[in-house]
Amino acid sequence: MDVDAYVAAHGAEWRRLEQLTGRRRLDAAEVDELVVLYQRAATHLSALRSRAPDPLLVNRLSQLVLAARARITGRPRPSWAAVRRFLLADLPAALYRAWPWWCGVATGFSALSFFLIWFVAGHPDTAAAFIGEEAAGQLVDSGFAGYYTEFAAPTFAFQLWTHNAWLAAQCLAAGVLVVPVFYLLWQNALNIGVVGGVMISYGRGDVFFGLITPHGLLELTGIFVAAGVGLRTGWAWIAPPAHLSRGRAVAEAGRSAIVVAAGLVGLFAVSALLEAFVTPAPLPVAVRVAVGATVWLAFLAYALLLGRHAATRRAPRVPGGAAPAARLSENEWPSGAEQPRVP
């Protein structure tokens, strides 16, 4: 192909297409002309790529074709309806469908943490073995309380937000392997158990619970949700439903996990603000705990009450009141309807 001759033959069409693409307003005839020229330019681009791969010419014409396509199809704009649907339907429904998993994780984690606190508090030599007597004394005197005021509140909040979001991402991503999730949970339970046990053994249990409760209720719940949803994905691999292949079951659980992951970004932002601004605030302990508990209960209502409504409001009905849940996959299930859970 003679590239120069090809450019000479079609250059006027390309220039006209560029003019039409750059105009703010087009009448009906110009819109029709734009579509025709776009189609021709796309054909020219395909021919140049296959017969005369001139990098500069191909790049120029590619940009022109993309710009014309964007002008014809229109640029996507943010949809507040999509945001509203995510917040009021998709996210709460995904949280509700996974509630047995993250509530199970919360129960096991809490039982293990309180056992470790009780054991370490009753065996001071155990705490010394973990962190040393000098470190334990420093933790009780100033280390634990000082942690919440060491940095400026905005900087501290950002650090907490990124740290917790990263931990949740690990739980979600490693859920299909199962074991790493339990390891991450064990590390956090051990940390809480040792620190809480040391504080109680030195008679500072009130300081420990007074500082950890305002933000810990919401923060730990976010970790439980991430771990539970991650383990749900792993279980979809181990024991997929009878009507789904293993790969499809994991894919559907993974899509639900992505929705939850996006929601947890906001949850951890709220918990970081609580930890940075409410936990160290010079307020009575009862007030700080009440603030944290109120936010935590609001999340539970969002996930369980609104989530139940979002998951069931458009569930299909058949005569007799039964929904054909066992025959529909997540892709086929109407958006917002409750889907069969993995056992």
Foldseek 3Di string as FASTA:
>chain_A
DPPVVVCVVCVVLLVLLQVLLPDPDDDPVSLVSNVVSLVVLVVVLVCCVVPPCDPVVNVVSVVSSVSSVCSNVDDDDDDVVVVCCLQQFLQLQLLQLLVVQLVVLVVVLVVLLVVLLVVCLVPVVVLCVVPRPVVLVVCQPQVVLVVLVVDALVVQLVVQLVVLLVLLVCLQVCLLVPVVLVVSSVVVSNVSSSSCNSCVSVVNNVLSCLQCQLLVLLSVSLSSSSNRLSVLLNVLQVDNAPQDDSVVSSVVSSVSSVSNSVVSSVSSSVSSSLSNPLSSDPDDSVVSNVNSVVVSVVVVCSNHVSNVCQADVPQDADPPGDGPQSNDDPVRTPRSHHHDGDD
